[in-house]
Amino acid sequence: MKAGIVFTGTGPILILTTYESFGDEKFVEKLDFKGIKKFIAYEVPLDLVKKKYGQQFDVIMKDVKQTDDLRVLDFDGHKVFYSFSFADLGQHYQHEATW
């Protein structure tokens, strides 16, 4: 399981996913299906997300399948952006659809 902040055209969202990588083709397809065709994603420590989101994290985790799944934990960009330090962010992955 991974947690990540995905910066999109409308602001950051916090996601949980079972995909191994933010560059996984199926992960990118799921974001594309949600209308996200260009993004920058940073992994954030799962234990930190659990600590910050508590019960909301637990509820979403019960809904996440063990394989090939993605759930949005928080779509309030302001809250997501200010809940994590830049020091919390891992390596980034960027994607831009070819139109």
C-alpha atoms as a PDB file:
ATOM      1  CA  MET A   1       0.000   0.000   0.000  1.00  0.00           C
ATOM      2  CA  LYS A   2       1.207   3.491  -0.870  1.00  0.00           C
ATOM      3  CA  ALA A   3       0.032   6.954   0.026  1.00  0.00           C
ATOM      4  CA  GLY A   4       0.723   9.865  -2.220  1.00  0.00           C
ATOM      5  CA  ILE A   5       0.018  13.510  -2.835  1.00  0.00           C
ATOM      6  CA  VAL A   6      -0.973  14.019  -6.442  1.00  0.00           C
ATOM      7  CA  PHE A   7      -0.715  17.591  -7.703  1.00  0.00           C
ATOM      8  CA  THR A   8      -3.279  18.186 -10.430  1.00  0.00           C
ATOM      9  CA  GLY A   9      -4.581  21.184 -12.326  1.00  0.00           C
ATOM     10  CA  THR A  10      -7.121  21.859  -9.584  1.00  0.00           C
ATOM     11  CA  GLY A  11      -4.747  21.315  -6.672  1.00  0.00           C
ATOM     12  CA  PRO A  12      -3.340  18.457  -4.625  1.00  0.00           C
ATOM     13  CA  ILE A  13      -5.269  15.350  -3.598  1.00  0.00           C
ATOM     14  CA  LEU A  14      -4.213  12.649  -1.158  1.00  0.00           C
ATOM     15  CA  ILE A  15      -4.569   9.104  -2.433  1.00  0.00           C
ATOM     16  CA  LEU A  16      -4.079   5.553  -1.216  1.00  0.00           C
ATOM     17  CA  THR A  17      -3.178   2.915  -3.769  1.00  0.00           C
ATOM     18  CA  THR A  18      -2.128  -0.691  -4.045  1.00  0.00           C
ATOM     19  CA  TYR A  19      -0.125   0.019  -7.207  1.00  0.00           C
ATOM     20  CA  GLU A  20       3.627  -0.463  -6.886  1.00  0.00           C
ATOM     21  CA  SER A  21       4.407   2.787  -8.657  1.00  0.00           C
ATOM     22  CA  PHE A  22       2.775   6.073  -9.591  1.00  0.00           C
ATOM     23  CA  GLY A  23       4.087   5.354 -13.079  1.00  0.00           C
ATOM     24  CA  ASP A  24       2.178   2.066 -13.343  1.00  0.00           C
ATOM     25  CA  GLU A  25       0.183   2.150 -16.578  1.00  0.00           C
ATOM     26  CA  LYS A  26      -3.034   1.071 -14.848  1.00  0.00           C
ATOM     27  CA  PHE A  27      -2.580   3.716 -12.132  1.00  0.00           C
ATOM     28  CA  VAL A  28      -2.188   6.378 -14.812  1.00  0.00           C
ATOM     29  CA  GLU A  29      -5.279   5.009 -16.604  1.00  0.00           C
ATOM     30  CA  LYS A  30      -7.333   5.265 -13.394  1.00  0.00           C
ATOM     31  CA  LEU A  31      -6.338   8.907 -12.952  1.00  0.00           C
ATOM     32  CA  ASP A  32      -7.087   9.528 -16.635  1.00  0.00           C
ATOM     33  CA  PHE A  33     -10.556   8.022 -16.125  1.00  0.00           C
ATOM     34  CA  LYS A  34     -11.072  10.538 -13.297  1.00  0.00           C
ATOM     35  CA  GLY A  35     -10.101  13.353 -15.690  1.00  0.00           C
ATOM     36  CA  ILE A  36      -6.536  13.752 -14.409  1.00  0.00           C
ATOM     37  CA  LYS A  37      -4.353  13.722 -17.501  1.00  0.00           C
ATOM     38  CA  LYS A  38      -1.361  15.638 -16.150  1.00  0.00           C
ATOM     39  CA  PHE A  39       0.027  15.286 -12.642  1.00  0.00           C
ATOM     40  CA  ILE A  40       3.011  15.211 -10.348  1.00  0.00           C
ATOM     41  CA  ALA A  41       2.856  12.585  -7.586  1.00  0.00           C
ATOM     42  CA  TYR A  42       4.936  12.322  -4.416  1.00  0.00           C
ATOM     43  CA  GLU A  43       4.878   9.330  -2.104  1.00  0.00           C
ATOM     44  CA  VAL A  44       4.310  10.178   1.560  1.00  0.00           C
ATOM     45  CA  PRO A  45       4.881   7.792   4.478  1.00  0.00           C
ATOM     46  CA  LEU A  46       1.799   5.646   5.081  1.00  0.00           C
ATOM     47  CA  ASP A  47       2.235   5.774   8.864  1.00  0.00           C
ATOM     48  CA  LEU A  48       2.268   9.589   8.751  1.00  0.00           C
ATOM     49  CA  VAL A  49      -0.942   9.650   6.710  1.00  0.00           C
ATOM     50  CA  LYS A  50      -2.560   7.248   9.197  1.00  0.00           C
ATOM     51  CA  LYS A  51      -1.471   9.472  12.096  1.00  0.00           C
ATOM     52  CA  LYS A  52      -2.839  12.644  10.474  1.00  0.00           C
ATOM     53  CA  TYR A  53      -6.107  11.181   9.142  1.00  0.00           C
ATOM     54  CA  GLY A  54      -6.976   8.624  11.852  1.00  0.00           C
ATOM     55  CA  GLN A  55     -10.483   7.227  11.497  1.00  0.00           C
ATOM     56  CA  GLN A  56     -10.914   8.599   7.967  1.00  0.00           C
ATOM     57  CA  PHE A  57      -7.810   6.605   6.968  1.00  0.00           C
ATOM     58  CA  ASP A  58      -9.207   3.444   8.608  1.00  0.00           C
ATOM     59  CA  VAL A  59     -12.550   3.763   6.816  1.00  0.00           C
ATOM     60  CA  ILE A  60     -10.896   4.170   3.418  1.00  0.00           C
ATOM     61  CA  MET A  61      -8.501   1.268   4.093  1.00  0.00           C
ATOM     62  CA  LYS A  62     -11.459  -1.049   4.657  1.00  0.00           C
ATOM     63  CA  ASP A  63     -12.694  -0.144   1.173  1.00  0.00           C
ATOM     64  CA  VAL A  64      -9.379  -0.584  -0.650  1.00  0.00           C
ATOM     65  CA  LYS A  65      -8.921  -3.898  -2.438  1.00  0.00           C
ATOM     66  CA  GLN A  66      -5.611  -5.665  -2.075  1.00  0.00           C
ATOM     67  CA  THR A  67      -4.661  -5.320  -5.750  1.00  0.00           C
ATOM     68  CA  ASP A  68      -5.090  -2.745  -8.490  1.00  0.00           C
ATOM     69  CA  ASP A  69      -6.957  -0.138  -6.517  1.00  0.00           C
ATOM     70  CA  LEU A  70      -6.884   3.572  -5.844  1.00  0.00           C
ATOM     71  CA  ARG A  71      -8.896   5.669  -3.389  1.00  0.00           C
ATOM     72  CA  VAL A  72      -8.920   9.402  -2.787  1.00  0.00           C
ATOM     73  CA  LEU A  73      -8.459  10.013   0.936  1.00  0.00           C
ATOM     74  CA  ASP A  74      -8.702  13.810   0.772  1.00  0.00           C
ATOM     75  CA  PHE A  75      -9.532  16.152  -2.100  1.00  0.00           C
ATOM     76  CA  ASP A  76      -9.371  19.379  -0.062  1.00  0.00           C
ATOM     77  CA  GLY A  77      -6.221  20.738  -1.694  1.00  0.00           C
ATOM     78  CA  HIS A  78      -5.596  23.387   0.948  1.00  0.00           C
ATOM     79  CA  LYS A  79      -5.736  20.823   3.760  1.00  0.00           C
ATOM     80  CA  VAL A  80      -3.596  18.304   1.873  1.00  0.00           C
ATOM     81  CA  PHE A  81      -0.944  20.903   0.990  1.00  0.00           C
ATOM     82  CA  TYR A  82      -0.601  22.198   4.541  1.00  0.00           C
ATOM     83  CA  SER A  83      -0.833  18.809   6.282  1.00  0.00           C
ATOM     84  CA  PHE A  84       2.564  17.660   5.056  1.00  0.00           C
ATOM     85  CA  SER A  85       6.025  19.196   5.087  1.00  0.00           C
ATOM     86  CA  PHE A  86       8.124  19.194   1.935  1.00  0.00           C
ATOM     87  CA  ALA A  87      10.516  17.043   3.968  1.00  0.00           C
ATOM     88  CA  ASP A  88       7.768  14.363   4.099  1.00  0.00           C
ATOM     89  CA  LEU A  89       7.670  14.031   0.311  1.00  0.00           C
ATOM     90  CA  GLY A  90       9.525  11.235  -1.443  1.00  0.00           C
ATOM     91  CA  GLN A  91      10.751  11.180  -5.028  1.00  0.00           C
ATOM     92  CA  HIS A  92       8.327  12.613  -7.524  1.00  0.00           C
ATOM     93  CA  TYR A  93       6.802  11.073 -10.622  1.00  0.00           C
ATOM     94  CA  GLN A  94       5.347  13.247 -13.337  1.00  0.00           C
ATOM     95  CA  HIS A  95       2.969  12.365 -16.130  1.00  0.00           C
ATOM     96  CA  GLU A  96       1.601  14.354 -19.013  1.00  0.00           C
ATOM     97  CA  ALA A  97      -0.816  12.799 -21.479  1.00  0.00           C
ATOM     98  CA  THR A  98      -0.040  13.134 -25.133  1.00  0.00           C
ATOM     99  CA  TRP A  99      -3.037  14.874 -26.596  1.00  0.00           C
END
